[in-house]
Amino acid sequence: MSPPNETQGYTQNRPVKIGEDWYDLEAAAGSERPEIVRRLIAWYLQRPGAELPNRPAVRTWRATASEAAQQRARDGVSIFDDKGHTKKSMIRIGDDWVALDAAVKAAGTDRSEVIRRLIAWYLRRPGSSLPERPPLGAWAAQAPRPIDDREAFEDAVKAIGRTPEEVIDQFMAWYLRRPEAELPKPADLKRGPRKGSHLRRAT
């Protein structure tokens, strides 16, 4: 299987070296753990309207984290691989993954380091601080910008030789249970968007 294309806009699991803080983040944020990471990244990228998430007090999750750590020890779960390297955690990040790469390169660091610092700040680790954000002008022009769903839909139906109006009409007929109506055939997203259609350079 070929590796995922970083310029695809579809949300994929991304490997990030985080360490023990990834488990503690689950204790602190629960099922919201991936969303917290995405919000932290959006803040770092200075996305319009992005704000830092509220941090829970350590006392509210410390006991849960301790119990989880003891259970991992009993189960033989380690944050290190056979070579003693920190294992990579898989995180769903979305389109900001590519933009983050451009931003961290402008800051002279890497994605894993920035994410670790953001999570450490969220967990209120002693001595932790938010990473300094690089100026937008230093990286935004080099970062691909995802197009919205309407444009992606238009590209997808054109790829199968149809128009958006035809596909919408067919869907409505199926939804209304018209005789012999069928769902429109979806585009083959495994092939990815047409070259240059899904991600564009910021202007």
C-alpha atoms as a PDB file:
ATOM      1  CA  MET A   1       0.000   0.000   0.000  1.00  0.00           C
ATOM      2  CA  SER A   2       1.375   3.394  -0.927  1.00  0.00           C
ATOM      3  CA  PRO A   3       1.878   5.994   1.850  1.00  0.00           C
ATOM      4  CA  PRO A   4      -0.807   8.651   2.303  1.00  0.00           C
ATOM      5  CA  ASN A   5      -0.418  11.763   0.213  1.00  0.00           C
ATOM      6  CA  GLU A   6       0.230  14.691   2.538  1.00  0.00           C
ATOM      7  CA  THR A   7      -1.529  17.070   0.168  1.00  0.00           C
ATOM      8  CA  GLN A   8      -4.819  15.195   0.320  1.00  0.00           C
ATOM      9  CA  GLY A   9      -7.425  17.045   2.300  1.00  0.00           C
ATOM     10  CA  TYR A  10      -9.053  13.968   3.771  1.00  0.00           C
ATOM     11  CA  THR A  11      -8.625  13.557   7.513  1.00  0.00           C
ATOM     12  CA  GLN A  12      -6.072  10.848   8.229  1.00  0.00           C
ATOM     13  CA  ASN A  13      -4.291   9.481  11.261  1.00  0.00           C
ATOM     14  CA  ARG A  14      -0.907  11.160  11.565  1.00  0.00           C
ATOM     15  CA  PRO A  15       2.054   9.687  13.489  1.00  0.00           C
ATOM     16  CA  VAL A  16       3.398  12.005  16.192  1.00  0.00           C
ATOM     17  CA  LYS A  17       6.006  11.288  18.875  1.00  0.00           C
ATOM     18  CA  ILE A  18       4.430  12.476  22.114  1.00  0.00           C
ATOM     19  CA  GLY A  19       5.238  10.000  24.877  1.00  0.00           C
ATOM     20  CA  GLU A  20       3.529   9.690  28.261  1.00  0.00           C
ATOM     21  CA  ASP A  21       1.681  12.969  27.846  1.00  0.00           C
ATOM     22  CA  TRP A  22      -0.527  11.372  25.189  1.00  0.00           C
ATOM     23  CA  TYR A  23      -1.957   9.020  27.812  1.00  0.00           C
ATOM     24  CA  ASP A  24      -2.309  11.779  30.386  1.00  0.00           C
ATOM     25  CA  LEU A  25      -4.104  13.913  27.815  1.00  0.00           C
ATOM     26  CA  GLU A  26      -6.699  11.167  27.552  1.00  0.00           C
ATOM     27  CA  ALA A  27      -7.158  11.290  31.316  1.00  0.00           C
ATOM     28  CA  ALA A  28      -7.525  15.082  31.189  1.00  0.00           C
ATOM     29  CA  ALA A  29      -9.673  15.429  28.063  1.00  0.00           C
ATOM     30  CA  GLY A  30     -11.302  12.023  27.616  1.00  0.00           C
ATOM     31  CA  SER A  31     -12.890  11.505  24.205  1.00  0.00           C
ATOM     32  CA  GLU A  32     -12.132  15.140  23.370  1.00  0.00           C
ATOM     33  CA  ARG A  33      -8.396  14.390  23.187  1.00  0.00           C
ATOM     34  CA  PRO A  34      -8.110  14.609  19.348  1.00  0.00           C
ATOM     35  CA  GLU A  35     -10.246  17.750  19.271  1.00  0.00           C
ATOM     36  CA  ILE A  36      -8.052  19.397  21.917  1.00  0.00           C
ATOM     37  CA  VAL A  37      -4.969  18.720  19.788  1.00  0.00           C
ATOM     38  CA  ARG A  38      -6.668  20.139  16.707  1.00  0.00           C
ATOM     39  CA  ARG A  39      -7.676  23.276  18.602  1.00  0.00           C
ATOM     40  CA  LEU A  40      -4.158  23.760  19.923  1.00  0.00           C
ATOM     41  CA  ILE A  41      -2.773  23.441  16.400  1.00  0.00           C
ATOM     42  CA  ALA A  42      -5.368  25.865  15.039  1.00  0.00           C
ATOM     43  CA  TRP A  43      -4.232  28.396  17.650  1.00  0.00           C
ATOM     44  CA  TYR A  44      -0.590  27.861  16.718  1.00  0.00           C
ATOM     45  CA  LEU A  45      -1.449  28.435  13.039  1.00  0.00           C
ATOM     46  CA  GLN A  46      -3.358  31.609  13.976  1.00  0.00           C
ATOM     47  CA  ARG A  47      -6.531  30.392  12.308  1.00  0.00           C
ATOM     48  CA  PRO A  48      -9.302  33.018  12.344  1.00  0.00           C
ATOM     49  CA  GLY A  49     -11.363  32.655  15.513  1.00  0.00           C
ATOM     50  CA  ALA A  50      -9.094  29.962  16.962  1.00  0.00           C
ATOM     51  CA  GLU A  51      -8.689  30.148  20.723  1.00  0.00           C
ATOM     52  CA  LEU A  52      -6.784  28.091  23.236  1.00  0.00           C
ATOM     53  CA  PRO A  53      -8.936  25.481  25.003  1.00  0.00           C
ATOM     54  CA  ASN A  54      -9.620  25.829  28.692  1.00  0.00           C
ATOM     55  CA  ARG A  55      -7.213  23.735  30.757  1.00  0.00           C
ATOM     56  CA  PRO A  56      -8.613  21.498  33.480  1.00  0.00           C
ATOM     57  CA  ALA A  57      -7.024  21.609  36.919  1.00  0.00           C
ATOM     58  CA  VAL A  58      -4.487  18.815  37.370  1.00  0.00           C
ATOM     59  CA  ARG A  59      -6.278  17.563  40.477  1.00  0.00           C
ATOM     60  CA  THR A  60      -9.337  16.716  38.347  1.00  0.00           C
ATOM     61  CA  TRP A  61      -7.519  14.124  36.259  1.00  0.00           C
ATOM     62  CA  ARG A  62      -4.358  13.129  38.173  1.00  0.00           C
ATOM     63  CA  ALA A  63      -5.972  10.103  39.856  1.00  0.00           C
ATOM     64  CA  THR A  64      -7.399   8.825  36.565  1.00  0.00           C
ATOM     65  CA  ALA A  65      -3.993   9.188  34.907  1.00  0.00           C
ATOM     66  CA  SER A  66      -2.286   7.333  37.754  1.00  0.00           C
ATOM     67  CA  GLU A  67      -4.734   4.433  37.574  1.00  0.00           C
ATOM     68  CA  ALA A  68      -4.315   4.237  33.800  1.00  0.00           C
ATOM     69  CA  ALA A  69      -0.510   4.214  34.144  1.00  0.00           C
ATOM     70  CA  GLN A  70      -0.687   1.354  36.649  1.00  0.00           C
ATOM     71  CA  GLN A  71      -2.922  -0.611  34.301  1.00  0.00           C
ATOM     72  CA  ARG A  72      -0.511  -0.073  31.404  1.00  0.00           C
ATOM     73  CA  ALA A  73       2.317  -1.343  33.597  1.00  0.00           C
ATOM     74  CA  ARG A  74       0.344  -4.479  34.452  1.00  0.00           C
ATOM     75  CA  ASP A  75      -0.432  -4.993  30.767  1.00  0.00           C
ATOM     76  CA  GLY A  76       3.172  -4.456  29.747  1.00  0.00           C
ATOM     77  CA  VAL A  77       2.354  -1.403  27.624  1.00  0.00           C
ATOM     78  CA  SER A  78       5.350   0.865  27.055  1.00  0.00           C
ATOM     79  CA  ILE A  79       5.786   4.228  25.353  1.00  0.00           C
ATOM     80  CA  PHE A  80       9.071   2.909  23.902  1.00  0.00           C
ATOM     81  CA  ASP A  81       9.637   0.531  21.012  1.00  0.00           C
ATOM     82  CA  ASP A  82      12.124  -2.362  20.925  1.00  0.00           C
ATOM     83  CA  LYS A  83      14.946   0.058  20.090  1.00  0.00           C
ATOM     84  CA  GLY A  84      14.197   2.331  23.014  1.00  0.00           C
ATOM     85  CA  HIS A  85      12.659   5.062  20.851  1.00  0.00           C
ATOM     86  CA  THR A  86       9.433   6.790  21.811  1.00  0.00           C
ATOM     87  CA  LYS A  87       6.535   5.201  19.972  1.00  0.00           C
ATOM     88  CA  LYS A  88       4.479   7.377  17.651  1.00  0.00           C
ATOM     89  CA  SER A  89       0.870   8.110  18.572  1.00  0.00           C
ATOM     90  CA  MET A  90      -1.688   8.292  15.774  1.00  0.00           C
ATOM     91  CA  ILE A  91      -3.743  11.494  15.749  1.00  0.00           C
ATOM     92  CA  ARG A  92      -6.479  12.689  13.389  1.00  0.00           C
ATOM     93  CA  ILE A  93      -5.463  16.227  12.526  1.00  0.00           C
ATOM     94  CA  GLY A  94      -6.897  17.033   9.085  1.00  0.00           C
ATOM     95  CA  ASP A  95      -5.817  19.682   6.616  1.00  0.00           C
ATOM     96  CA  ASP A  96      -3.859  21.648   9.222  1.00  0.00           C
ATOM     97  CA  TRP A  97      -1.240  18.873   9.215  1.00  0.00           C
ATOM     98  CA  VAL A  98       0.309  20.208   5.997  1.00  0.00           C
ATOM     99  CA  ALA A  99       0.053  23.844   7.079  1.00  0.00           C
ATOM    100  CA  LEU A 100       1.655  22.938  10.392  1.00  0.00           C
ATOM    101  CA  ASP A 101       4.662  21.563   8.552  1.00  0.00           C
ATOM    102  CA  ALA A 102       5.178  24.891   6.769  1.00  0.00           C
ATOM    103  CA  ALA A 103       4.768  26.827  10.019  1.00  0.00           C
ATOM    104  CA  VAL A 104       7.159  24.754  12.123  1.00  0.00           C
ATOM    105  CA  LYS A 105       9.826  24.840   9.420  1.00  0.00           C
ATOM    106  CA  ALA A 106       9.611  28.627   9.494  1.00  0.00           C
ATOM    107  CA  ALA A 107      10.083  28.414  13.263  1.00  0.00           C
ATOM    108  CA  GLY A 108      13.083  26.096  12.937  1.00  0.00           C
ATOM    109  CA  THR A 109      11.458  23.116  14.644  1.00  0.00           C
ATOM    110  CA  ASP A 110       9.248  20.126  13.769  1.00  0.00           C
ATOM    111  CA  ARG A 111       5.616  19.119  14.160  1.00  0.00           C
ATOM    112  CA  SER A 112       6.134  16.593  16.950  1.00  0.00           C
ATOM    113  CA  GLU A 113       8.077  19.083  19.076  1.00  0.00           C
ATOM    114  CA  VAL A 114       5.413  21.774  18.712  1.00  0.00           C
ATOM    115  CA  ILE A 115       2.581  19.365  19.488  1.00  0.00           C
ATOM    116  CA  ARG A 116       4.437  18.053  22.545  1.00  0.00           C
ATOM    117  CA  ARG A 117       4.893  21.587  23.854  1.00  0.00           C
ATOM    118  CA  LEU A 118       1.243  22.448  23.240  1.00  0.00           C
ATOM    119  CA  ILE A 119       0.070  19.337  25.078  1.00  0.00           C
ATOM    120  CA  ALA A 120       2.513  19.950  27.948  1.00  0.00           C
ATOM    121  CA  TRP A 121       1.071  23.449  28.326  1.00  0.00           C
ATOM    122  CA  TYR A 122      -2.482  22.066  28.316  1.00  0.00           C
ATOM    123  CA  LEU A 123      -1.547  19.549  31.019  1.00  0.00           C
ATOM    124  CA  ARG A 124       0.051  22.317  33.095  1.00  0.00           C
ATOM    125  CA  ARG A 125       3.434  20.592  33.212  1.00  0.00           C
ATOM    126  CA  PRO A 126       5.907  22.443  35.473  1.00  0.00           C
ATOM    127  CA  GLY A 127       8.035  24.793  33.405  1.00  0.00           C
ATOM    128  CA  SER A 128       5.958  24.322  30.255  1.00  0.00           C
ATOM    129  CA  SER A 129       5.073  27.252  28.048  1.00  0.00           C
ATOM    130  CA  LEU A 130       3.351  27.785  24.738  1.00  0.00           C
ATOM    131  CA  PRO A 131       5.634  27.626  21.710  1.00  0.00           C
ATOM    132  CA  GLU A 132       6.299  30.914  19.984  1.00  0.00           C
ATOM    133  CA  ARG A 133       4.219  31.215  16.838  1.00  0.00           C
ATOM    134  CA  PRO A 134       6.040  32.191  13.632  1.00  0.00           C
ATOM    135  CA  PRO A 135       4.643  35.226  11.781  1.00  0.00           C
ATOM    136  CA  LEU A 136       2.041  34.284   9.195  1.00  0.00           C
ATOM    137  CA  GLY A 137       4.057  36.030   6.530  1.00  0.00           C
ATOM    138  CA  ALA A 138       6.928  33.611   7.094  1.00  0.00           C
ATOM    139  CA  TRP A 139       4.998  30.508   6.048  1.00  0.00           C
ATOM    140  CA  ALA A 140       1.378  31.097   4.968  1.00  0.00           C
ATOM    141  CA  ALA A 141       2.241  31.656   1.300  1.00  0.00           C
ATOM    142  CA  GLN A 142       3.939  28.242   1.180  1.00  0.00           C
ATOM    143  CA  ALA A 143       1.103  26.339   2.883  1.00  0.00           C
ATOM    144  CA  PRO A 144      -1.625  24.728   0.767  1.00  0.00           C
ATOM    145  CA  ARG A 145      -5.132  25.954   1.496  1.00  0.00           C
ATOM    146  CA  PRO A 146      -7.981  23.390   1.417  1.00  0.00           C
ATOM    147  CA  ILE A 147     -10.918  24.368  -0.732  1.00  0.00           C
ATOM    148  CA  ASP A 148     -14.392  24.144   0.719  1.00  0.00           C
ATOM    149  CA  ASP A 149     -16.779  21.209   0.313  1.00  0.00           C
ATOM    150  CA  ARG A 150     -18.760  22.852  -2.476  1.00  0.00           C
ATOM    151  CA  GLU A 151     -15.696  23.173  -4.679  1.00  0.00           C
ATOM    152  CA  ALA A 152     -14.564  19.659  -3.747  1.00  0.00           C
ATOM    153  CA  PHE A 153     -18.023  18.329  -4.682  1.00  0.00           C
ATOM    154  CA  GLU A 154     -17.906  20.071  -8.049  1.00  0.00           C
ATOM    155  CA  ASP A 155     -14.491  18.598  -8.768  1.00  0.00           C
ATOM    156  CA  ALA A 156     -15.649  15.118  -7.725  1.00  0.00           C
ATOM    157  CA  VAL A 157     -18.717  15.012  -9.972  1.00  0.00           C
ATOM    158  CA  LYS A 158     -16.788  16.451 -12.912  1.00  0.00           C
ATOM    159  CA  ALA A 159     -14.286  13.630 -12.481  1.00  0.00           C
ATOM    160  CA  ILE A 160     -17.068  11.112 -13.242  1.00  0.00           C
ATOM    161  CA  GLY A 161     -18.404  13.123 -16.176  1.00  0.00           C
ATOM    162  CA  ARG A 162     -21.464  14.629 -14.521  1.00  0.00           C
ATOM    163  CA  THR A 163     -22.650  18.023 -13.333  1.00  0.00           C
ATOM    164  CA  PRO A 164     -23.456  19.006  -9.739  1.00  0.00           C
ATOM    165  CA  GLU A 165     -27.075  19.663 -10.742  1.00  0.00           C
ATOM    166  CA  GLU A 166     -27.481  16.147 -12.170  1.00  0.00           C
ATOM    167  CA  VAL A 167     -26.124  14.493  -9.045  1.00  0.00           C
ATOM    168  CA  ILE A 168     -28.245  16.658  -6.718  1.00  0.00           C
ATOM    169  CA  ASP A 169     -31.406  15.948  -8.740  1.00  0.00           C
ATOM    170  CA  GLN A 170     -30.691  12.212  -8.665  1.00  0.00           C
ATOM    171  CA  PHE A 171     -30.116  12.292  -4.915  1.00  0.00           C
ATOM    172  CA  MET A 172     -33.369  14.168  -4.302  1.00  0.00           C
ATOM    173  CA  ALA A 173     -35.289  11.652  -6.428  1.00  0.00           C
ATOM    174  CA  TRP A 174     -33.814   8.815  -4.370  1.00  0.00           C
ATOM    175  CA  TYR A 175     -34.518  10.611  -1.089  1.00  0.00           C
ATOM    176  CA  LEU A 176     -38.144  11.167  -2.122  1.00  0.00           C
ATOM    177  CA  ARG A 177     -38.447   7.475  -3.068  1.00  0.00           C
ATOM    178  CA  ARG A 178     -39.264   8.179  -6.687  1.00  0.00           C
ATOM    179  CA  PRO A 179     -39.922   5.002  -8.686  1.00  0.00           C
ATOM    180  CA  GLU A 180     -36.675   3.408  -9.918  1.00  0.00           C
ATOM    181  CA  ALA A 181     -34.591   6.230  -8.411  1.00  0.00           C
ATOM    182  CA  GLU A 182     -31.096   5.234  -7.310  1.00  0.00           C
ATOM    183  CA  LEU A 183     -28.379   6.886  -5.307  1.00  0.00           C
ATOM    184  CA  PRO A 184     -25.793   8.622  -7.493  1.00  0.00           C
ATOM    185  CA  LYS A 185     -22.527   6.748  -7.861  1.00  0.00           C
ATOM    186  CA  PRO A 186     -19.864   8.396  -5.653  1.00  0.00           C
ATOM    187  CA  ALA A 187     -16.516   9.482  -7.002  1.00  0.00           C
ATOM    188  CA  ASP A 188     -13.547   7.229  -6.339  1.00  0.00           C
ATOM    189  CA  LEU A 189     -11.886   9.213  -3.536  1.00  0.00           C
ATOM    190  CA  LYS A 190      -9.074   6.660  -3.283  1.00  0.00           C
ATOM    191  CA  ARG A 191      -7.625   8.268  -6.372  1.00  0.00           C
ATOM    192  CA  GLY A 192      -7.501  11.602  -4.579  1.00  0.00           C
ATOM    193  CA  PRO A 193      -8.571  14.962  -5.988  1.00  0.00           C
ATOM    194  CA  ARG A 194      -7.511  16.155  -9.375  1.00  0.00           C
ATOM    195  CA  LYS A 195      -4.032  17.621  -9.453  1.00  0.00           C
ATOM    196  CA  GLY A 196      -4.112  21.125  -8.017  1.00  0.00           C
ATOM    197  CA  SER A 197      -7.855  21.050  -7.290  1.00  0.00           C
ATOM    198  CA  HIS A 198      -8.135  20.219  -3.605  1.00  0.00           C
ATOM    199  CA  LEU A 199      -5.280  22.177  -2.151  1.00  0.00           C
ATOM    200  CA  ARG A 200      -4.261  25.591  -3.370  1.00  0.00           C
ATOM    201  CA  ARG A 201      -1.625  28.047  -2.462  1.00  0.00           C
ATOM    202  CA  ALA A 202      -2.777  30.760  -0.097  1.00  0.00           C
ATOM    203  CA  THR A 203      -3.055  34.188  -1.675  1.00  0.00           C
END
